[in-house]
Amino acid sequence: MPRSVNKVAAHRRRRNFMKLAKGYWGKRKNVWSIAKNHIEKGLLHAYKGRKLKKRSFRRLWIVRINAAARLNGTTYSRLIHSLNINNIIINRKVLADLAMNKPELFAAIVKRATK
């Protein structure tokens, strides 16, 4: 009995995988064994990058909040502690945006938290 390999599904799977290699340079874009390795590695880096992006944005927000807090006579850690004590629930993303775009509103929040 001949061996069954399901050529249609295998070809479709490879074709969809090779679409991901579009734009790669050299053999990475058209040789299956090489392209497969680079696509898998690229997808792994993309996964890690999505996690690192969140981390780096949080660091940026903290730097912006700290800079604006120091202009208002306090530090980042004291400000966050005061916000928590006074039950002012505002996340770092919004706080950093206020510090950049609406400094007078940020100053009012700092004043309210540290009084």
PDB file of N, CA and C in Angstrom:
ATOM      1  N   MET A   1       0.839  -1.177   0.000  1.00  0.00           N
ATOM      2  CA  MET A   1       0.000   0.000   0.000  1.00  0.00           C
ATOM      3  C   MET A   1       0.889   1.246   0.000  1.00  0.00           C
ATOM      4  N   PRO A   2       0.586   2.213  -0.872  1.00  0.00           N
ATOM      5  CA  PRO A   2       1.425   3.410  -0.944  1.00  0.00           C
ATOM      6  C   PRO A   2       1.257   4.297   0.289  1.00  0.00           C
ATOM      7  N   ARG A   3       2.299   5.060   0.529  1.00  0.00           N
ATOM      8  CA  ARG A   3       2.303   5.950   1.678  1.00  0.00           C
ATOM      9  C   ARG A   3       1.452   7.196   1.386  1.00  0.00           C
ATOM     10  N   SER A   4       0.638   7.612   2.327  1.00  0.00           N
ATOM     11  CA  SER A   4      -0.208   8.793   2.168  1.00  0.00           C
ATOM     12  C   SER A   4       0.455   9.963   2.893  1.00  0.00           C
ATOM     13  N   VAL A   5       0.627  11.061   2.187  1.00  0.00           N
ATOM     14  CA  VAL A   5       1.327  12.197   2.775  1.00  0.00           C
ATOM     15  C   VAL A   5       0.483  13.461   2.855  1.00  0.00           C
ATOM     16  N   ASN A   6      -0.696  13.461   2.271  1.00  0.00           N
ATOM     17  CA  ASN A   6      -1.600  14.613   2.283  1.00  0.00           C
ATOM     18  C   ASN A   6      -0.891  15.861   1.752  1.00  0.00           C
ATOM     19  N   LYS A   7      -0.555  15.815   0.482  1.00  0.00           N
ATOM     20  CA  LYS A   7       0.204  16.875  -0.163  1.00  0.00           C
ATOM     21  C   LYS A   7      -0.510  18.227  -0.122  1.00  0.00           C
ATOM     22  N   VAL A   8      -1.818  18.213  -0.255  1.00  0.00           N
ATOM     23  CA  VAL A   8      -2.567  19.469  -0.295  1.00  0.00           C
ATOM     24  C   VAL A   8      -2.398  20.255   1.010  1.00  0.00           C
ATOM     25  N   ALA A   9      -2.596  19.589   2.136  1.00  0.00           N
ATOM     26  CA  ALA A   9      -2.479  20.268   3.433  1.00  0.00           C
ATOM     27  C   ALA A   9      -1.054  20.708   3.705  1.00  0.00           C
ATOM     28  N   ALA A  10      -0.089  19.852   3.348  1.00  0.00           N
ATOM     29  CA  ALA A  10       1.313  20.201   3.574  1.00  0.00           C
ATOM     30  C   ALA A  10       1.705  21.420   2.746  1.00  0.00           C
ATOM     31  N   HIS A  11       1.245  21.446   1.487  1.00  0.00           N
ATOM     32  CA  HIS A  11       1.567  22.578   0.616  1.00  0.00           C
ATOM     33  C   HIS A  11       0.926  23.860   1.140  1.00  0.00           C
ATOM     34  N   ARG A  12      -0.322  23.760   1.592  1.00  0.00           N
ATOM     35  CA  ARG A  12      -1.013  24.937   2.123  1.00  0.00           C
ATOM     36  C   ARG A  12      -0.321  25.462   3.380  1.00  0.00           C
ATOM     37  N   ARG A  13       0.119  24.534   4.239  1.00  0.00           N
ATOM     38  CA  ARG A  13       0.805  24.934   5.468  1.00  0.00           C
ATOM     39  C   ARG A  13       2.118  25.648   5.135  1.00  0.00           C
ATOM     40  N   ARG A  14       2.862  25.104   4.186  1.00  0.00           N
ATOM     41  CA  ARG A  14       4.125  25.743   3.798  1.00  0.00           C
ATOM     42  C   ARG A  14       3.893  27.086   3.132  1.00  0.00           C
ATOM     43  N   ARG A  15       2.861  27.167   2.290  1.00  0.00           N
ATOM     44  CA  ARG A  15       2.573  28.424   1.597  1.00  0.00           C
ATOM     45  C   ARG A  15       2.224  29.525   2.601  1.00  0.00           C
ATOM     46  N   ASN A  16       1.405  29.201   3.585  1.00  0.00           N
ATOM     47  CA  ASN A  16       1.040  30.200   4.599  1.00  0.00           C
ATOM     48  C   ASN A  16       2.241  30.613   5.431  1.00  0.00           C
ATOM     49  N   PHE A  17       3.121  29.665   5.709  1.00  0.00           N
ATOM     50  CA  PHE A  17       4.327  29.967   6.467  1.00  0.00           C
ATOM     51  C   PHE A  17       5.267  30.848   5.659  1.00  0.00           C
ATOM     52  N   MET A  18       5.377  30.555   4.351  1.00  0.00           N
ATOM     53  CA  MET A  18       6.284  31.331   3.501  1.00  0.00           C
ATOM     54  C   MET A  18       5.778  32.756   3.276  1.00  0.00           C
ATOM     55  N   LYS A  19       4.479  32.964   3.438  1.00  0.00           N
ATOM     56  CA  LYS A  19       3.960  34.335   3.356  1.00  0.00           C
ATOM     57  C   LYS A  19       4.571  35.201   4.447  1.00  0.00           C
ATOM     58  N   LEU A  20       4.855  34.595   5.591  1.00  0.00           N
ATOM     59  CA  LEU A  20       5.468  35.335   6.694  1.00  0.00           C
ATOM     60  C   LEU A  20       6.911  35.720   6.376  1.00  0.00           C
ATOM     61  N   ALA A  21       7.539  35.007   5.440  1.00  0.00           N
ATOM     62  CA  ALA A  21       8.936  35.280   5.083  1.00  0.00           C
ATOM     63  C   ALA A  21       9.055  36.360   4.020  1.00  0.00           C
ATOM     64  N   LYS A  22       7.934  36.920   3.598  1.00  0.00           N
ATOM     65  CA  LYS A  22       7.966  37.949   2.576  1.00  0.00           C
ATOM     66  C   LYS A  22       8.766  39.152   3.079  1.00  0.00           C
ATOM     67  N   GLY A  23       9.708  39.614   2.286  1.00  0.00           N
ATOM     68  CA  GLY A  23      10.537  40.741   2.679  1.00  0.00           C
ATOM     69  C   GLY A  23      11.876  40.340   3.272  1.00  0.00           C
ATOM     70  N   TYR A  24      12.051  39.053   3.564  1.00  0.00           N
ATOM     71  CA  TYR A  24      13.340  38.591   4.064  1.00  0.00           C
ATOM     72  C   TYR A  24      14.357  38.623   2.928  1.00  0.00           C
ATOM     73  N   TRP A  25      15.625  38.609   3.278  1.00  0.00           N
ATOM     74  CA  TRP A  25      16.703  38.754   2.309  1.00  0.00           C
ATOM     75  C   TRP A  25      17.332  37.402   2.005  1.00  0.00           C
ATOM     76  N   GLY A  26      17.663  37.184   0.742  1.00  0.00           N
ATOM     77  CA  GLY A  26      18.388  35.979   0.334  1.00  0.00           C
ATOM     78  C   GLY A  26      17.549  34.722   0.437  1.00  0.00           C
ATOM     79  N   LYS A  27      18.202  33.624   0.845  1.00  0.00           N
ATOM     80  CA  LYS A  27      17.520  32.339   0.923  1.00  0.00           C
ATOM     81  C   LYS A  27      16.460  32.294   2.016  1.00  0.00           C
ATOM     82  N   ARG A  28      16.486  33.254   2.904  1.00  0.00           N
ATOM     83  CA  ARG A  28      15.505  33.268   3.989  1.00  0.00           C
ATOM     84  C   ARG A  28      14.080  33.394   3.467  1.00  0.00           C
ATOM     85  N   LYS A  29      13.926  33.949   2.251  1.00  0.00           N
ATOM     86  CA  LYS A  29      12.579  34.170   1.748  1.00  0.00           C
ATOM     87  C   LYS A  29      12.049  33.046   0.880  1.00  0.00           C
ATOM     88  N   ASN A  30      12.918  32.144   0.369  1.00  0.00           N
ATOM     89  CA  ASN A  30      12.400  31.156  -0.568  1.00  0.00           C
ATOM     90  C   ASN A  30      12.883  29.729  -0.363  1.00  0.00           C
ATOM     91  N   VAL A  31      13.766  29.482   0.565  1.00  0.00           N
ATOM     92  CA  VAL A  31      14.198  28.108   0.855  1.00  0.00           C
ATOM     93  C   VAL A  31      13.505  27.684   2.141  1.00  0.00           C
ATOM     94  N   TRP A  32      12.711  26.613   2.040  1.00  0.00           N
ATOM     95  CA  TRP A  32      11.830  26.212   3.136  1.00  0.00           C
ATOM     96  C   TRP A  32      12.558  26.008   4.455  1.00  0.00           C
ATOM     97  N   SER A  33      13.633  25.222   4.461  1.00  0.00           N
ATOM     98  CA  SER A  33      14.288  24.877   5.722  1.00  0.00           C
ATOM     99  C   SER A  33      14.910  26.100   6.393  1.00  0.00           C
ATOM    100  N   ILE A  34      15.430  27.021   5.604  1.00  0.00           N
ATOM    101  CA  ILE A  34      16.041  28.231   6.159  1.00  0.00           C
ATOM    102  C   ILE A  34      14.953  29.217   6.582  1.00  0.00           C
ATOM    103  N   ALA A  35      13.950  29.381   5.738  1.00  0.00           N
ATOM    104  CA  ALA A  35      12.867  30.321   6.043  1.00  0.00           C
ATOM    105  C   ALA A  35      12.127  29.910   7.301  1.00  0.00           C
ATOM    106  N   LYS A  36      11.879  28.619   7.460  1.00  0.00           N
ATOM    107  CA  LYS A  36      11.143  28.123   8.626  1.00  0.00           C
ATOM    108  C   LYS A  36      11.854  28.520   9.914  1.00  0.00           C
ATOM    109  N   ASN A  37      13.175  28.329   9.945  1.00  0.00           N
ATOM    110  CA  ASN A  37      13.941  28.676  11.143  1.00  0.00           C
ATOM    111  C   ASN A  37      13.874  30.167  11.452  1.00  0.00           C
ATOM    112  N   HIS A  38      14.005  31.006  10.428  1.00  0.00           N
ATOM    113  CA  HIS A  38      14.019  32.446  10.652  1.00  0.00           C
ATOM    114  C   HIS A  38      12.634  32.982  11.001  1.00  0.00           C
ATOM    115  N   ILE A  39      11.597  32.373  10.437  1.00  0.00           N
ATOM    116  CA  ILE A  39      10.235  32.795  10.780  1.00  0.00           C
ATOM    117  C   ILE A  39       9.948  32.466  12.241  1.00  0.00           C
ATOM    118  N   GLU A  40      10.310  31.257  12.673  1.00  0.00           N
ATOM    119  CA  GLU A  40      10.078  30.865  14.060  1.00  0.00           C
ATOM    120  C   GLU A  40      10.830  31.778  15.025  1.00  0.00           C
ATOM    121  N   LYS A  41      12.064  32.093  14.681  1.00  0.00           N
ATOM    122  CA  LYS A  41      12.850  32.985  15.535  1.00  0.00           C
ATOM    123  C   LYS A  41      12.251  34.389  15.554  1.00  0.00           C
ATOM    124  N   GLY A  42      11.788  34.845  14.385  1.00  0.00           N
ATOM    125  CA  GLY A  42      11.167  36.166  14.316  1.00  0.00           C
ATOM    126  C   GLY A  42       9.899  36.244  15.135  1.00  0.00           C
ATOM    127  N   LEU A  43       9.092  35.190  15.099  1.00  0.00           N
ATOM    128  CA  LEU A  43       7.866  35.166  15.889  1.00  0.00           C
ATOM    129  C   LEU A  43       8.180  35.139  17.385  1.00  0.00           C
ATOM    130  N   LEU A  44       9.244  34.463  17.751  1.00  0.00           N
ATOM    131  CA  LEU A  44       9.666  34.434  19.147  1.00  0.00           C
ATOM    132  C   LEU A  44      10.080  35.828  19.621  1.00  0.00           C
ATOM    133  N   HIS A  45      10.843  36.534  18.787  1.00  0.00           N
ATOM    134  CA  HIS A  45      11.253  37.894  19.135  1.00  0.00           C
ATOM    135  C   HIS A  45      10.052  38.833  19.189  1.00  0.00           C
ATOM    136  N   ALA A  46       9.073  38.620  18.304  1.00  0.00           N
ATOM    137  CA  ALA A  46       7.878  39.462  18.310  1.00  0.00           C
ATOM    138  C   ALA A  46       7.111  39.276  19.613  1.00  0.00           C
ATOM    139  N   TYR A  47       7.034  38.046  20.095  1.00  0.00           N
ATOM    140  CA  TYR A  47       6.343  37.766  21.351  1.00  0.00           C
ATOM    141  C   TYR A  47       7.056  38.469  22.509  1.00  0.00           C
ATOM    142  N   LYS A  48       8.384  38.325  22.545  1.00  0.00           N
ATOM    143  CA  LYS A  48       9.155  38.980  23.608  1.00  0.00           C
ATOM    144  C   LYS A  48       9.035  40.497  23.516  1.00  0.00           C
ATOM    145  N   GLY A  49       9.027  41.013  22.282  1.00  0.00           N
ATOM    146  CA  GLY A  49       8.946  42.451  22.076  1.00  0.00           C
ATOM    147  C   GLY A  49       7.651  43.044  22.595  1.00  0.00           C
ATOM    148  N   ARG A  50       6.559  42.296  22.462  1.00  0.00           N
ATOM    149  CA  ARG A  50       5.280  42.794  22.970  1.00  0.00           C
ATOM    150  C   ARG A  50       5.299  42.908  24.481  1.00  0.00           C
ATOM    151  N   LYS A  51       6.025  42.019  25.149  1.00  0.00           N
ATOM    152  CA  LYS A  51       6.143  42.097  26.606  1.00  0.00           C
ATOM    153  C   LYS A  51       7.082  43.237  27.014  1.00  0.00           C
ATOM    154  N   LEU A  52       8.184  43.389  26.286  1.00  0.00           N
ATOM    155  CA  LEU A  52       9.162  44.434  26.608  1.00  0.00           C
ATOM    156  C   LEU A  52       8.599  45.832  26.374  1.00  0.00           C
ATOM    157  N   LYS A  53       7.693  45.950  25.388  1.00  0.00           N
ATOM    158  CA  LYS A  53       7.106  47.247  25.089  1.00  0.00           C
ATOM    159  C   LYS A  53       6.326  47.782  26.288  1.00  0.00           C
ATOM    160  N   LYS A  54       5.579  46.920  26.936  1.00  0.00           N
ATOM    161  CA  LYS A  54       4.815  47.325  28.113  1.00  0.00           C
ATOM    162  C   LYS A  54       5.752  47.806  29.224  1.00  0.00           C
ATOM    163  N   ARG A  55       6.859  47.073  29.387  1.00  0.00           N
ATOM    164  CA  ARG A  55       7.839  47.403  30.419  1.00  0.00           C
ATOM    165  C   ARG A  55       8.484  48.760  30.146  1.00  0.00           C
ATOM    166  N   SER A  56       8.853  48.992  28.889  1.00  0.00           N
ATOM    167  CA  SER A  56       9.553  50.234  28.566  1.00  0.00           C
ATOM    168  C   SER A  56       8.618  51.444  28.641  1.00  0.00           C
ATOM    169  N   PHE A  57       7.342  51.263  28.282  1.00  0.00           N
ATOM    170  CA  PHE A  57       6.408  52.372  28.408  1.00  0.00           C
ATOM    171  C   PHE A  57       6.166  52.728  29.867  1.00  0.00           C
ATOM    172  N   ARG A  58       6.074  51.734  30.739  1.00  0.00           N
ATOM    173  CA  ARG A  58       5.893  52.026  32.169  1.00  0.00           C
ATOM    174  C   ARG A  58       7.088  52.816  32.697  1.00  0.00           C
ATOM    175  N   ARG A  59       8.311  52.428  32.283  1.00  0.00           N
ATOM    176  CA  ARG A  59       9.512  53.166  32.699  1.00  0.00           C
ATOM    177  C   ARG A  59       9.456  54.617  32.226  1.00  0.00           C
ATOM    178  N   LEU A  60       8.994  54.828  30.995  1.00  0.00           N
ATOM    179  CA  LEU A  60       8.880  56.177  30.442  1.00  0.00           C
ATOM    180  C   LEU A  60       7.883  57.004  31.242  1.00  0.00           C
ATOM    181  N   TRP A  61       6.729  56.402  31.560  1.00  0.00           N
ATOM    182  CA  TRP A  61       5.724  57.122  32.345  1.00  0.00           C
ATOM    183  C   TRP A  61       6.271  57.526  33.705  1.00  0.00           C
ATOM    184  N   ILE A  62       7.002  56.619  34.333  1.00  0.00           N
ATOM    185  CA  ILE A  62       7.550  56.910  35.658  1.00  0.00           C
ATOM    186  C   ILE A  62       8.550  58.062  35.594  1.00  0.00           C
ATOM    187  N   VAL A  63       9.370  58.079  34.560  1.00  0.00           N
ATOM    188  CA  VAL A  63      10.344  59.169  34.392  1.00  0.00           C
ATOM    189  C   VAL A  63       9.620  60.498  34.217  1.00  0.00           C
ATOM    190  N   ARG A  64       8.566  60.503  33.402  1.00  0.00           N
ATOM    191  CA  ARG A  64       7.820  61.746  33.167  1.00  0.00           C
ATOM    192  C   ARG A  64       7.120  62.232  34.432  1.00  0.00           C
ATOM    193  N   ILE A  65       6.527  61.299  35.171  1.00  0.00           N
ATOM    194  CA  ILE A  65       5.843  61.670  36.412  1.00  0.00           C
ATOM    195  C   ILE A  65       6.845  62.217  37.422  1.00  0.00           C
ATOM    196  N   ASN A  66       7.996  61.582  37.522  1.00  0.00           N
ATOM    197  CA  ASN A  66       9.025  62.026  38.464  1.00  0.00           C
ATOM    198  C   ASN A  66       9.516  63.434  38.122  1.00  0.00           C
ATOM    199  N   ALA A  67       9.730  63.686  36.825  1.00  0.00           N
ATOM    200  CA  ALA A  67      10.201  65.014  36.418  1.00  0.00           C
ATOM    201  C   ALA A  67       9.168  66.082  36.761  1.00  0.00           C
ATOM    202  N   ALA A  68       7.903  65.790  36.477  1.00  0.00           N
ATOM    203  CA  ALA A  68       6.854  66.770  36.763  1.00  0.00           C
ATOM    204  C   ALA A  68       6.634  66.912  38.266  1.00  0.00           C
ATOM    205  N   ALA A  69       6.756  65.823  39.007  1.00  0.00           N
ATOM    206  CA  ALA A  69       6.580  65.883  40.460  1.00  0.00           C
ATOM    207  C   ALA A  69       7.672  66.733  41.087  1.00  0.00           C
ATOM    208  N   ARG A  70       8.888  66.609  40.610  1.00  0.00           N
ATOM    209  CA  ARG A  70       9.989  67.402  41.153  1.00  0.00           C
ATOM    210  C   ARG A  70       9.797  68.889  40.867  1.00  0.00           C
ATOM    211  N   LEU A  71       9.165  69.217  39.737  1.00  0.00           N
ATOM    212  CA  LEU A  71       8.852  70.622  39.466  1.00  0.00           C
ATOM    213  C   LEU A  71       7.813  71.157  40.452  1.00  0.00           C
ATOM    214  N   ASN A  72       7.032  70.240  41.025  1.00  0.00           N
ATOM    215  CA  ASN A  72       6.007  70.632  41.991  1.00  0.00           C
ATOM    216  C   ASN A  72       6.430  70.377  43.431  1.00  0.00           C
ATOM    217  N   GLY A  73       7.712  70.146  43.657  1.00  0.00           N
ATOM    218  CA  GLY A  73       8.235  70.082  45.009  1.00  0.00           C
ATOM    219  C   GLY A  73       8.109  68.743  45.720  1.00  0.00           C
ATOM    220  N   THR A  74       7.970  67.667  45.000  1.00  0.00           N
ATOM    221  CA  THR A  74       7.925  66.343  45.617  1.00  0.00           C
ATOM    222  C   THR A  74       8.661  65.364  44.704  1.00  0.00           C
ATOM    223  N   THR A  75       8.663  64.108  45.093  1.00  0.00           N
ATOM    224  CA  THR A  75       9.302  63.092  44.252  1.00  0.00           C
ATOM    225  C   THR A  75       8.252  62.085  43.810  1.00  0.00           C
ATOM    226  N   TYR A  76       8.644  61.229  42.882  1.00  0.00           N
ATOM    227  CA  TYR A  76       7.730  60.222  42.349  1.00  0.00           C
ATOM    228  C   TYR A  76       7.214  59.305  43.451  1.00  0.00           C
ATOM    229  N   SER A  77       8.120  58.786  44.277  1.00  0.00           N
ATOM    230  CA  SER A  77       7.699  57.823  45.291  1.00  0.00           C
ATOM    231  C   SER A  77       6.785  58.465  46.337  1.00  0.00           C
ATOM    232  N   ARG A  78       7.093  59.687  46.723  1.00  0.00           N
ATOM    233  CA  ARG A  78       6.231  60.382  47.684  1.00  0.00           C
ATOM    234  C   ARG A  78       4.852  60.679  47.084  1.00  0.00           C
ATOM    235  N   LEU A  79       4.845  61.050  45.803  1.00  0.00           N
ATOM    236  CA  LEU A  79       3.585  61.347  45.127  1.00  0.00           C
ATOM    237  C   LEU A  79       2.701  60.102  45.038  1.00  0.00           C
ATOM    238  N   ILE A  80       3.257  58.988  44.599  1.00  0.00           N
ATOM    239  CA  ILE A  80       2.479  57.748  44.470  1.00  0.00           C
ATOM    240  C   ILE A  80       1.979  57.303  45.845  1.00  0.00           C
ATOM    241  N   HIS A  81       2.828  57.426  46.860  1.00  0.00           N
ATOM    242  CA  HIS A  81       2.417  57.075  48.219  1.00  0.00           C
ATOM    243  C   HIS A  81       1.260  57.963  48.687  1.00  0.00           C
ATOM    244  N   SER A  82       1.348  59.266  48.423  1.00  0.00           N
ATOM    245  CA  SER A  82       0.282  60.200  48.814  1.00  0.00           C
ATOM    246  C   SER A  82      -1.014  59.890  48.075  1.00  0.00           C
ATOM    247  N   LEU A  83      -0.909  59.561  46.793  1.00  0.00           N
ATOM    248  CA  LEU A  83      -2.103  59.217  46.019  1.00  0.00           C
ATOM    249  C   LEU A  83      -2.785  57.982  46.602  1.00  0.00           C
ATOM    250  N   ASN A  84      -1.983  56.994  46.990  1.00  0.00           N
ATOM    251  CA  ASN A  84      -2.551  55.775  47.568  1.00  0.00           C
ATOM    252  C   ASN A  84      -3.203  56.039  48.930  1.00  0.00           C
ATOM    253  N   ILE A  85      -2.555  56.853  49.754  1.00  0.00           N
ATOM    254  CA  ILE A  85      -3.099  57.160  51.075  1.00  0.00           C
ATOM    255  C   ILE A  85      -4.436  57.901  50.958  1.00  0.00           C
ATOM    256  N   ASN A  86      -4.502  58.847  50.005  1.00  0.00           N
ATOM    257  CA  ASN A  86      -5.712  59.662  49.837  1.00  0.00           C
ATOM    258  C   ASN A  86      -6.747  59.019  48.914  1.00  0.00           C
ATOM    259  N   ASN A  87      -6.547  57.764  48.562  1.00  0.00           N
ATOM    260  CA  ASN A  87      -7.479  57.018  47.691  1.00  0.00           C
ATOM    261  C   ASN A  87      -7.773  57.735  46.379  1.00  0.00           C
ATOM    262  N   ILE A  88      -6.758  58.341  45.812  1.00  0.00           N
ATOM    263  CA  ILE A  88      -6.875  58.944  44.484  1.00  0.00           C
ATOM    264  C   ILE A  88      -6.394  57.885  43.499  1.00  0.00           C
ATOM    265  N   ILE A  89      -7.345  57.281  42.790  1.00  0.00           N
ATOM    266  CA  ILE A  89      -7.019  56.170  41.890  1.00  0.00           C
ATOM    267  C   ILE A  89      -6.827  56.721  40.487  1.00  0.00           C
ATOM    268  N   ILE A  90      -5.584  56.790  40.080  1.00  0.00           N
ATOM    269  CA  ILE A  90      -5.231  57.255  38.739  1.00  0.00           C
ATOM    270  C   ILE A  90      -3.988  56.491  38.310  1.00  0.00           C
ATOM    271  N   ASN A  91      -4.010  55.932  37.102  1.00  0.00           N
ATOM    272  CA  ASN A  91      -2.882  55.104  36.695  1.00  0.00           C
ATOM    273  C   ASN A  91      -1.735  55.947  36.137  1.00  0.00           C
ATOM    274  N   ARG A  92      -0.598  55.323  35.986  1.00  0.00           N
ATOM    275  CA  ARG A  92       0.624  56.033  35.607  1.00  0.00           C
ATOM    276  C   ARG A  92       0.553  56.573  34.187  1.00  0.00           C
ATOM    277  N   LYS A  93      -0.151  55.882  33.312  1.00  0.00           N
ATOM    278  CA  LYS A  93      -0.276  56.338  31.926  1.00  0.00           C
ATOM    279  C   LYS A  93      -1.002  57.682  31.874  1.00  0.00           C
ATOM    280  N   VAL A  94      -2.114  57.778  32.566  1.00  0.00           N
ATOM    281  CA  VAL A  94      -2.895  59.013  32.579  1.00  0.00           C
ATOM    282  C   VAL A  94      -2.133  60.107  33.323  1.00  0.00           C
ATOM    283  N   LEU A  95      -1.499  59.742  34.420  1.00  0.00           N
ATOM    284  CA  LEU A  95      -0.737  60.705  35.199  1.00  0.00           C
ATOM    285  C   LEU A  95       0.412  61.296  34.376  1.00  0.00           C
ATOM    286  N   ALA A  96       1.095  60.461  33.616  1.00  0.00           N
ATOM    287  CA  ALA A  96       2.185  60.940  32.761  1.00  0.00           C
ATOM    288  C   ALA A  96       1.653  61.832  31.646  1.00  0.00           C
ATOM    289  N   ASP A  97       0.494  61.487  31.103  1.00  0.00           N
ATOM    290  CA  ASP A  97      -0.110  62.307  30.053  1.00  0.00           C
ATOM    291  C   ASP A  97      -0.498  63.678  30.603  1.00  0.00           C
ATOM    292  N   LEU A  98      -1.049  63.697  31.804  1.00  0.00           N
ATOM    293  CA  LEU A  98      -1.388  64.978  32.434  1.00  0.00           C
ATOM    294  C   LEU A  98      -0.131  65.796  32.708  1.00  0.00           C
ATOM    295  N   ALA A  99       0.927  65.132  33.141  1.00  0.00           N
ATOM    296  CA  ALA A  99       2.184  65.828  33.438  1.00  0.00           C
ATOM    297  C   ALA A  99       2.758  66.485  32.180  1.00  0.00           C
ATOM    298  N   MET A 100       2.585  65.824  31.040  1.00  0.00           N
ATOM    299  CA  MET A 100       3.129  66.359  29.785  1.00  0.00           C
ATOM    300  C   MET A 100       2.233  67.445  29.178  1.00  0.00           C
ATOM    301  N   ASN A 101       0.940  67.159  29.115  1.00  0.00           N
ATOM    302  CA  ASN A 101       0.037  68.014  28.331  1.00  0.00           C
ATOM    303  C   ASN A 101      -0.762  69.018  29.151  1.00  0.00           C
ATOM    304  N   LYS A 102      -1.010  68.728  30.407  1.00  0.00           N
ATOM    305  CA  LYS A 102      -1.786  69.641  31.252  1.00  0.00           C
ATOM    306  C   LYS A 102      -1.085  69.806  32.601  1.00  0.00           C
ATOM    307  N   PRO A 103       0.032  70.542  32.627  1.00  0.00           N
ATOM    308  CA  PRO A 103       0.807  70.663  33.866  1.00  0.00           C
ATOM    309  C   PRO A 103       0.045  71.325  35.009  1.00  0.00           C
ATOM    310  N   GLU A 104      -0.893  72.243  34.691  1.00  0.00           N
ATOM    311  CA  GLU A 104      -1.659  72.885  35.759  1.00  0.00           C
ATOM    312  C   GLU A 104      -2.601  71.896  36.442  1.00  0.00           C
ATOM    313  N   LEU A 105      -3.171  70.974  35.674  1.00  0.00           N
ATOM    314  CA  LEU A 105      -4.029  69.938  36.251  1.00  0.00           C
ATOM    315  C   LEU A 105      -3.197  68.948  37.067  1.00  0.00           C
ATOM    316  N   PHE A 106      -2.002  68.622  36.563  1.00  0.00           N
ATOM    317  CA  PHE A 106      -1.096  67.746  37.312  1.00  0.00           C
ATOM    318  C   PHE A 106      -0.698  68.396  38.636  1.00  0.00           C
ATOM    319  N   ALA A 107      -0.434  69.698  38.602  1.00  0.00           N
ATOM    320  CA  ALA A 107      -0.080  70.418  39.829  1.00  0.00           C
ATOM    321  C   ALA A 107      -1.232  70.394  40.833  1.00  0.00           C
ATOM    322  N   ALA A 108      -2.460  70.487  40.329  1.00  0.00           N
ATOM    323  CA  ALA A 108      -3.625  70.429  41.216  1.00  0.00           C
ATOM    324  C   ALA A 108      -3.748  69.044  41.859  1.00  0.00           C
ATOM    325  N   ILE A 109      -3.467  68.008  41.102  1.00  0.00           N
ATOM    326  CA  ILE A 109      -3.511  66.637  41.642  1.00  0.00           C
ATOM    327  C   ILE A 109      -2.431  66.466  42.712  1.00  0.00           C
ATOM    328  N   VAL A 110      -1.237  66.993  42.447  1.00  0.00           N
ATOM    329  CA  VAL A 110      -0.142  66.891  43.424  1.00  0.00           C
ATOM    330  C   VAL A 110      -0.518  67.637  44.699  1.00  0.00           C
ATOM    331  N   LYS A 111      -1.087  68.826  44.531  1.00  0.00           N
ATOM    332  CA  LYS A 111      -1.482  69.629  45.689  1.00  0.00           C
ATOM    333  C   LYS A 111      -2.558  68.921  46.515  1.00  0.00           C
ATOM    334  N   ARG A 112      -3.513  68.320  45.824  1.00  0.00           N
ATOM    335  CA  ARG A 112      -4.601  67.596  46.503  1.00  0.00           C
ATOM    336  C   ARG A 112      -4.062  66.366  47.231  1.00  0.00           C
ATOM    337  N   ALA A 113      -3.109  65.683  46.631  1.00  0.00           N
ATOM    338  CA  ALA A 113      -2.569  64.452  47.220  1.00  0.00           C
ATOM    339  C   ALA A 113      -1.663  64.733  48.396  1.00  0.00           C
ATOM    340  N   THR A 114      -0.894  65.816  48.338  1.00  0.00           N
ATOM    341  CA  THR A 114       0.122  66.056  49.370  1.00  0.00           C
ATOM    342  C   THR A 114      -0.325  67.011  50.465  1.00  0.00           C
ATOM    343  N   LYS A 115      -1.592  67.401  50.489  1.00  0.00           N
ATOM    344  CA  LYS A 115      -2.013  68.324  51.553  1.00  0.00           C
ATOM    345  C   LYS A 115      -2.305  67.625  52.853  1.00  0.00           C
TER     346      LYS A 115
END
